[in-house]
Amino acid sequence: MTALRLLSSISKRTQSFLPSAAPTSSTASTSAARHLSTASTLDRTKSTDNYNAVLSTFANVRACAVLRTATSAACPKAMQACIDGGFKIVEFTLTTPDCLTHLSSFRSKYDGTVMVGC
């Protein structure tokens, strides 16, 4: 089967999954409400306001430092450099050695001024 025929075949099969028209504002708001409802139930310790605040921070800041270091000793130095450089949202990857220990340290140090996660 040629690449063009394969793409055509895939396109025909996936059209049934696509919406037939752009969503109306009421459809979009219903969809957004459903998404928020689903997302808020994923973490029962966070409120809807907290969830919206995190989304708002991402929308306003629009940049996040995501760090992975090979050693535990390099982790806080690299993260501190990112924060000193102006990042307001920072993230440790879970493959960084001792990342949860460093996460806890940076969260307590920068609570409220820098959003720190993993």
C-alpha atoms as a PDB file:
ATOM      1  CA  MET A   1       0.000   0.000   0.000  1.00  0.00           C
ATOM      2  CA  THR A   2       1.417   3.386  -0.923  1.00  0.00           C
ATOM      3  CA  ALA A   3       1.880   6.071   1.692  1.00  0.00           C
ATOM      4  CA  LEU A   4      -0.836   8.219   0.123  1.00  0.00           C
ATOM      5  CA  ARG A   5      -3.379   5.387   0.151  1.00  0.00           C
ATOM      6  CA  LEU A   6      -2.437   4.545   3.734  1.00  0.00           C
ATOM      7  CA  LEU A   7      -2.949   8.159   4.840  1.00  0.00           C
ATOM      8  CA  SER A   8      -6.266   8.285   3.001  1.00  0.00           C
ATOM      9  CA  SER A   9      -7.380   5.093   4.714  1.00  0.00           C
ATOM     10  CA  ILE A  10      -6.380   6.384   8.145  1.00  0.00           C
ATOM     11  CA  SER A  11      -8.091   9.707   7.474  1.00  0.00           C
ATOM     12  CA  LYS A  12     -11.369   7.993   6.552  1.00  0.00           C
ATOM     13  CA  ARG A  13     -11.275   5.828   9.680  1.00  0.00           C
ATOM     14  CA  THR A  14     -10.557   8.716  12.040  1.00  0.00           C
ATOM     15  CA  GLN A  15     -13.180  11.107  10.639  1.00  0.00           C
ATOM     16  CA  SER A  16     -15.860   9.395  12.692  1.00  0.00           C
ATOM     17  CA  PHE A  17     -13.980  10.386  15.854  1.00  0.00           C
ATOM     18  CA  LEU A  18     -13.716  14.058  14.907  1.00  0.00           C
ATOM     19  CA  PRO A  19     -16.427  16.594  15.728  1.00  0.00           C
ATOM     20  CA  SER A  20     -18.515  17.589  12.707  1.00  0.00           C
ATOM     21  CA  ALA A  21     -18.346  21.303  13.502  1.00  0.00           C
ATOM     22  CA  ALA A  22     -16.545  23.665  15.811  1.00  0.00           C
ATOM     23  CA  PRO A  23     -18.047  23.582  19.287  1.00  0.00           C
ATOM     24  CA  THR A  24     -20.426  26.350  20.212  1.00  0.00           C
ATOM     25  CA  SER A  25     -19.704  28.484  23.239  1.00  0.00           C
ATOM     26  CA  SER A  26     -22.178  26.497  25.347  1.00  0.00           C
ATOM     27  CA  THR A  27     -20.634  23.224  24.170  1.00  0.00           C
ATOM     28  CA  ALA A  28     -17.155  24.537  24.902  1.00  0.00           C
ATOM     29  CA  SER A  29     -18.122  25.737  28.377  1.00  0.00           C
ATOM     30  CA  THR A  30     -19.809  22.414  29.126  1.00  0.00           C
ATOM     31  CA  SER A  31     -16.702  20.600  27.950  1.00  0.00           C
ATOM     32  CA  ALA A  32     -14.481  22.858  30.069  1.00  0.00           C
ATOM     33  CA  ALA A  33     -16.697  22.326  33.109  1.00  0.00           C
ATOM     34  CA  ARG A  34     -16.591  18.556  32.589  1.00  0.00           C
ATOM     35  CA  HIS A  35     -12.797  18.682  32.302  1.00  0.00           C
ATOM     36  CA  LEU A  36     -12.508  20.766  35.467  1.00  0.00           C
ATOM     37  CA  SER A  37     -14.870  18.452  37.296  1.00  0.00           C
ATOM     38  CA  THR A  38     -12.805  15.431  36.251  1.00  0.00           C
ATOM     39  CA  ALA A  39      -9.519  17.131  37.070  1.00  0.00           C
ATOM     40  CA  SER A  40     -10.682  18.288  40.491  1.00  0.00           C
ATOM     41  CA  THR A  41     -11.632  14.736  41.453  1.00  0.00           C
ATOM     42  CA  LEU A  42      -8.175  13.433  40.573  1.00  0.00           C
ATOM     43  CA  ASP A  43      -6.592  15.119  43.581  1.00  0.00           C
ATOM     44  CA  ARG A  44      -9.034  15.318  46.412  1.00  0.00           C
ATOM     45  CA  THR A  45      -6.735  17.444  48.593  1.00  0.00           C
ATOM     46  CA  LYS A  46      -6.849  20.406  46.189  1.00  0.00           C
ATOM     47  CA  SER A  47      -9.760  22.732  45.654  1.00  0.00           C
ATOM     48  CA  THR A  48     -11.147  23.924  42.350  1.00  0.00           C
ATOM     49  CA  ASP A  49      -9.764  27.384  43.184  1.00  0.00           C
ATOM     50  CA  ASN A  50      -6.297  25.894  43.664  1.00  0.00           C
ATOM     51  CA  TYR A  51      -6.571  24.034  40.364  1.00  0.00           C
ATOM     52  CA  ASN A  52      -7.610  27.221  38.564  1.00  0.00           C
ATOM     53  CA  ALA A  53      -4.792  29.192  40.236  1.00  0.00           C
ATOM     54  CA  VAL A  54      -2.228  26.686  38.930  1.00  0.00           C
ATOM     55  CA  LEU A  55      -3.668  26.913  35.409  1.00  0.00           C
ATOM     56  CA  SER A  56      -3.675  30.698  35.647  1.00  0.00           C
ATOM     57  CA  THR A  57      -0.028  30.733  36.751  1.00  0.00           C
ATOM     58  CA  PHE A  58       0.953  28.589  33.781  1.00  0.00           C
ATOM     59  CA  ALA A  59      -1.042  30.857  31.450  1.00  0.00           C
ATOM     60  CA  ASN A  60       0.628  33.998  32.809  1.00  0.00           C
ATOM     61  CA  VAL A  61       4.209  32.763  33.244  1.00  0.00           C
ATOM     62  CA  ARG A  62       4.275  30.492  30.152  1.00  0.00           C
ATOM     63  CA  ALA A  63       7.703  29.016  30.916  1.00  0.00           C
ATOM     64  CA  CYS A  64       8.707  26.168  33.195  1.00  0.00           C
ATOM     65  CA  ALA A  65      12.203  24.930  34.004  1.00  0.00           C
ATOM     66  CA  VAL A  66      12.263  21.112  33.955  1.00  0.00           C
ATOM     67  CA  LEU A  67      15.454  19.731  35.428  1.00  0.00           C
ATOM     68  CA  ARG A  68      17.111  16.374  35.595  1.00  0.00           C
ATOM     69  CA  THR A  69      20.586  16.015  36.977  1.00  0.00           C
ATOM     70  CA  ALA A  70      22.759  12.933  37.094  1.00  0.00           C
ATOM     71  CA  THR A  71      23.637  13.360  40.764  1.00  0.00           C
ATOM     72  CA  SER A  72      21.731  14.412  43.845  1.00  0.00           C
ATOM     73  CA  ALA A  73      24.386  17.003  44.698  1.00  0.00           C
ATOM     74  CA  ALA A  74      23.912  18.819  41.381  1.00  0.00           C
ATOM     75  CA  CYS A  75      20.133  18.989  41.707  1.00  0.00           C
ATOM     76  CA  PRO A  76      19.724  21.878  44.184  1.00  0.00           C
ATOM     77  CA  LYS A  77      22.479  23.888  42.501  1.00  0.00           C
ATOM     78  CA  ALA A  78      20.814  23.608  39.094  1.00  0.00           C
ATOM     79  CA  MET A  79      17.371  24.411  40.487  1.00  0.00           C
ATOM     80  CA  GLN A  80      18.677  27.398  42.406  1.00  0.00           C
ATOM     81  CA  ALA A  81      20.309  28.697  39.226  1.00  0.00           C
ATOM     82  CA  CYS A  82      16.956  28.458  37.405  1.00  0.00           C
ATOM     83  CA  ILE A  83      15.138  30.320  40.168  1.00  0.00           C
ATOM     84  CA  ASP A  84      17.878  32.944  40.380  1.00  0.00           C
ATOM     85  CA  GLY A  85      17.583  33.290  36.607  1.00  0.00           C
ATOM     86  CA  GLY A  86      13.924  34.243  36.928  1.00  0.00           C
ATOM     87  CA  PHE A  87      11.870  31.068  36.503  1.00  0.00           C
ATOM     88  CA  LYS A  88       8.648  31.184  38.544  1.00  0.00           C
ATOM     89  CA  ILE A  89       7.642  27.593  37.739  1.00  0.00           C
ATOM     90  CA  VAL A  90      10.207  24.839  38.215  1.00  0.00           C
ATOM     91  CA  GLU A  91      10.040  21.080  38.083  1.00  0.00           C
ATOM     92  CA  PHE A  92      12.268  18.208  39.115  1.00  0.00           C
ATOM     93  CA  THR A  93      11.986  15.036  37.039  1.00  0.00           C
ATOM     94  CA  LEU A  94      11.334  11.893  39.040  1.00  0.00           C
ATOM     95  CA  THR A  95      14.446  10.335  37.509  1.00  0.00           C
ATOM     96  CA  THR A  96      16.627  12.847  39.375  1.00  0.00           C
ATOM     97  CA  PRO A  97      18.273  11.170  42.382  1.00  0.00           C
ATOM     98  CA  ASP A  98      16.580  12.234  45.657  1.00  0.00           C
ATOM     99  CA  CYS A  99      14.175  14.514  43.766  1.00  0.00           C
ATOM    100  CA  LEU A 100      11.411  14.262  46.380  1.00  0.00           C
ATOM    101  CA  THR A 101      13.779  15.378  49.144  1.00  0.00           C
ATOM    102  CA  HIS A 102      14.888  18.352  47.037  1.00  0.00           C
ATOM    103  CA  LEU A 103      11.283  19.071  46.077  1.00  0.00           C
ATOM    104  CA  SER A 104      10.283  19.318  49.712  1.00  0.00           C
ATOM    105  CA  SER A 105      13.205  21.610  50.500  1.00  0.00           C
ATOM    106  CA  PHE A 106      12.492  24.001  47.623  1.00  0.00           C
ATOM    107  CA  ARG A 107       8.761  24.031  48.302  1.00  0.00           C
ATOM    108  CA  SER A 108       9.272  25.093  51.891  1.00  0.00           C
ATOM    109  CA  LYS A 109      11.918  27.648  50.896  1.00  0.00           C
ATOM    110  CA  TYR A 110       9.897  29.275  48.072  1.00  0.00           C
ATOM    111  CA  ASP A 111       6.324  28.658  49.177  1.00  0.00           C
ATOM    112  CA  GLY A 112       4.083  31.185  47.459  1.00  0.00           C
ATOM    113  CA  THR A 113       6.745  32.825  45.280  1.00  0.00           C
ATOM    114  CA  VAL A 114       7.845  29.963  43.009  1.00  0.00           C
ATOM    115  CA  MET A 115       5.682  27.042  41.953  1.00  0.00           C
ATOM    116  CA  VAL A 116       7.775  23.900  42.527  1.00  0.00           C
ATOM    117  CA  GLY A 117       6.706  20.447  41.406  1.00  0.00           C
ATOM    118  CA  CYS A 118       7.722  17.151  39.842  1.00  0.00           C
END
